[in-house]
Amino acid sequence: MQPQQIDAELTLRLPDPQRDAPAVLAAVCASQSEFYPWLPWATELQTITAVTTWLQAGVTRTQAGETLELVIEARGQVVGWIGLRHIDRWNRWAEVGYWLSTPMTGRGIMTRALRAMLDLSFTQQHLEKVILVAATDNRPSNRVAQSLGFQLDGTLRHNCRLADGYHDENEWSMLATEWPQS
């Protein structure tokens, strides 16, 4: 997949594990306190080796067609990650996940990156539906879903285990027919 230029500032591209590991590690470390409540697995990404292994696993899954995992660059600097996981080719749906380095939040970056991922999902991946799940108390992720017009399908009780225990999750979806760029 060729890099996807979103706008003058942002690009989505496949990760280069060796080259990107230091920047991803810095982004995760700069965001640890904000990530921990929602992404407890991020505490495992504390070394270059761990991050390189994580990125390489994502590249392998992407090459196998199981996922589509991309880094988000802002002006050439890696600032986050976005990906389709649990791709169901038969039913043509996938779940989107993402994270953004804390110093980069509040600039509309994730909304723009998710908009581009939806375009890829419906035009290149030929999906019928993209699902986004967010803990009910993860206000930023729920706001991103709402701002792009995702429909709230329901709340799943005790659907995710986070660092402090089980949380309810909102399940949002976007259908290809609802996406304006389709």
Protein backbone atom coordinates (compact mmCIF):
# COMPACT_ATOMS: atom_id res chain seq x y z
CA MET A 1 0.00 0.00 0.00
CA GLN A 2 1.27 3.41 -0.96
CA PRO A 3 1.32 6.15 1.70
CA GLN A 4 -1.99 8.01 1.87
CA GLN A 5 -1.53 11.77 2.00
CA ILE A 6 -4.51 13.06 4.00
CA ASP A 7 -3.70 16.75 3.78
CA ALA A 8 -0.64 19.04 3.91
CA GLU A 9 0.10 17.87 7.45
CA LEU A 10 -0.98 14.21 7.72
CA THR A 11 -0.02 10.92 6.08
CA LEU A 12 -1.05 7.32 6.77
CA ARG A 13 1.49 4.65 5.82
CA LEU A 14 2.62 1.14 6.57
CA PRO A 15 5.10 1.08 9.42
CA ASP A 16 8.79 0.39 8.97
CA PRO A 17 9.50 -1.43 12.25
CA GLN A 18 13.21 -0.64 12.44
CA ARG A 19 12.91 3.00 11.42
CA ASP A 20 9.67 3.79 13.28
CA ALA A 21 10.31 2.01 16.59
CA PRO A 22 12.09 4.96 18.30
CA ALA A 23 9.32 7.42 17.36
CA VAL A 24 6.54 5.01 18.38
CA LEU A 25 8.30 4.35 21.69
CA ALA A 26 8.62 8.09 22.32
CA ALA A 27 4.94 8.65 21.46
CA VAL A 28 3.78 5.86 23.76
CA CYS A 29 6.04 6.96 26.62
CA ALA A 30 4.86 10.57 26.28
CA SER A 31 1.28 9.34 26.60
CA GLN A 32 1.50 6.62 29.22
CA SER A 33 -0.79 8.20 31.80
CA GLU A 34 -3.46 8.99 29.18
CA PHE A 35 -3.14 5.60 27.46
CA TYR A 36 -3.14 3.43 30.55
CA PRO A 37 -6.85 3.68 31.41
CA TRP A 38 -7.89 2.74 27.84
CA LEU A 39 -4.91 0.84 26.40
CA PRO A 40 -3.34 -1.13 29.24
CA TRP A 41 -1.30 -3.17 26.74
CA ALA A 42 0.72 0.00 26.02
CA THR A 43 2.65 -0.57 29.25
CA GLU A 44 4.28 -3.52 27.49
CA LEU A 45 5.79 -1.18 24.88
CA GLN A 46 8.66 0.13 26.99
CA THR A 47 11.70 -0.83 24.90
CA ILE A 48 12.82 -0.49 21.31
CA THR A 49 12.81 -4.29 21.05
CA ALA A 50 9.22 -4.56 22.29
CA VAL A 51 8.01 -1.82 19.94
CA THR A 52 9.90 -3.26 16.96
CA THR A 53 8.36 -6.68 17.64
CA TRP A 54 4.87 -5.14 17.97
CA LEU A 55 5.25 -3.19 14.72
CA GLN A 56 6.63 -6.22 12.85
CA ALA A 57 3.70 -8.35 14.03
CA GLY A 58 1.35 -5.70 12.63
CA VAL A 59 3.18 -5.67 9.30
CA THR A 60 2.94 -9.46 9.13
CA ARG A 61 -0.81 -9.40 9.90
CA THR A 62 -1.33 -6.66 7.31
CA GLN A 63 0.60 -8.60 4.65
CA ALA A 64 -1.58 -11.63 5.41
CA GLY A 65 -4.74 -9.53 4.93
CA GLU A 66 -5.86 -10.05 8.53
CA THR A 67 -5.51 -6.39 9.48
CA LEU A 68 -4.53 -3.04 8.03
CA GLU A 69 -2.18 -1.35 10.48
CA LEU A 70 -0.82 2.10 9.66
CA VAL A 71 1.20 4.79 11.39
CA ILE A 72 -0.05 8.35 11.44
CA GLU A 73 2.56 10.94 10.52
CA ALA A 74 2.22 14.66 11.14
CA ARG A 75 4.73 16.65 9.11
CA GLY A 76 6.94 13.55 8.79
CA GLN A 77 6.86 12.65 12.49
CA VAL A 78 5.11 9.49 13.72
CA VAL A 79 2.41 10.63 16.15
CA GLY A 80 0.00 7.71 16.29
CA TRP A 81 -1.40 4.51 14.88
CA ILE A 82 -4.68 3.48 13.25
CA GLY A 83 -5.77 0.10 12.07
CA LEU A 84 -8.50 -2.23 10.95
CA ARG A 85 -8.60 -5.43 12.95
CA HIS A 86 -10.78 -8.48 13.01
CA ILE A 87 -11.35 -8.06 9.28
CA ASP A 88 -14.20 -10.35 8.29
CA ARG A 89 -13.85 -10.74 4.50
CA TRP A 90 -17.03 -12.82 4.15
CA ASN A 91 -19.31 -10.33 5.91
CA ARG A 92 -17.16 -7.38 4.78
CA TRP A 93 -16.73 -5.62 8.10
CA ALA A 94 -13.85 -4.73 10.39
CA GLU A 95 -13.24 -2.96 13.67
CA VAL A 96 -11.15 0.19 13.70
CA GLY A 97 -8.76 1.03 16.52
CA TYR A 98 -6.37 3.92 17.02
CA TRP A 99 -4.20 5.91 19.37
CA LEU A 100 -2.58 9.33 19.22
CA SER A 101 0.33 10.74 21.20
CA THR A 102 -1.00 13.02 23.92
CA PRO A 103 0.94 16.13 22.82
CA MET A 104 -0.84 15.88 19.44
CA THR A 105 -4.42 15.66 20.75
CA GLY A 106 -6.95 18.43 20.35
CA ARG A 107 -5.87 19.27 16.77
CA GLY A 108 -8.37 17.16 14.82
CA ILE A 109 -5.65 14.72 13.81
CA MET A 110 -7.51 11.58 14.81
CA THR A 111 -10.73 12.72 13.18
CA ARG A 112 -8.87 13.33 9.91
CA ALA A 113 -6.96 10.04 10.17
CA LEU A 114 -10.17 8.10 10.86
CA ARG A 115 -11.91 9.83 7.96
CA ALA A 116 -9.06 8.66 5.68
CA MET A 117 -9.25 5.14 7.14
CA LEU A 118 -12.96 5.04 6.41
CA ASP A 119 -12.25 6.06 2.82
CA LEU A 120 -9.71 3.21 2.55
CA SER A 121 -12.14 0.80 4.22
CA PHE A 122 -14.96 1.44 1.81
CA THR A 123 -13.04 2.06 -1.42
CA GLN A 124 -9.92 -0.15 -1.26
CA GLN A 125 -10.91 -2.77 1.29
CA HIS A 126 -14.50 -2.93 -0.07
CA LEU A 127 -16.00 -3.22 3.39
CA GLU A 128 -19.71 -2.82 4.05
CA LYS A 129 -19.32 -1.77 7.69
CA VAL A 130 -16.69 -0.39 10.03
CA ILE A 131 -17.21 -0.84 13.76
CA LEU A 132 -15.67 1.36 16.44
CA VAL A 133 -15.88 0.34 20.10
CA ALA A 134 -14.99 2.70 22.92
CA ALA A 135 -15.41 2.43 26.64
CA THR A 136 -18.45 4.49 27.59
CA ASP A 137 -16.28 6.72 29.77
CA ASN A 138 -13.65 7.28 27.04
CA ARG A 139 -15.15 10.59 26.00
CA PRO A 140 -12.56 11.53 23.34
CA SER A 141 -13.06 8.30 21.35
CA ASN A 142 -16.83 8.55 21.60
CA ARG A 143 -16.66 12.19 20.39
CA VAL A 144 -14.55 11.16 17.37
CA ALA A 145 -17.16 8.53 16.44
CA GLN A 146 -20.00 11.04 16.79
CA SER A 147 -18.21 13.77 14.86
CA LEU A 148 -17.82 11.50 11.81
CA GLY A 149 -21.43 10.35 11.86
CA PHE A 150 -21.04 6.85 13.25
CA GLN A 151 -24.33 5.42 14.51
CA LEU A 152 -24.49 4.14 18.09
CA ASP A 153 -25.62 0.51 17.77
CA GLY A 154 -25.71 -0.08 21.50
CA THR A 155 -23.83 -0.38 24.74
CA LEU A 156 -22.16 -3.69 25.54
CA ARG A 157 -22.05 -4.38 29.25
CA HIS A 158 -18.71 -5.34 30.81
CA ASN A 159 -17.31 -5.79 27.31
CA CYS A 160 -13.69 -4.84 27.94
CA ARG A 161 -11.28 -5.45 30.75
CA LEU A 162 -9.12 -2.43 31.38
CA ALA A 163 -6.51 -1.71 34.01
CA ASP A 164 -9.10 -0.93 36.70
CA GLY A 165 -11.59 -3.68 35.85
CA TYR A 166 -14.45 -4.26 33.43
CA HIS A 167 -16.05 -1.41 31.51
CA ASP A 168 -19.11 -1.04 29.35
CA GLU A 169 -18.40 -0.18 25.73
CA ASN A 170 -20.31 1.76 23.14
CA GLU A 171 -20.41 0.03 19.79
CA TRP A 172 -20.59 2.45 16.89
CA SER A 173 -20.84 1.61 13.19
CA MET A 174 -20.56 3.25 9.82
CA LEU A 175 -22.03 1.60 6.73
CA ALA A 176 -20.61 2.09 3.25
CA THR A 177 -23.94 3.57 2.15
CA GLU A 178 -23.75 6.14 4.97
CA TRP A 179 -20.22 7.27 4.18
CA PRO A 180 -20.37 10.48 2.17
CA GLN A 181 -17.26 9.71 0.11
CA SER A 182 -18.54 6.28 -1.04
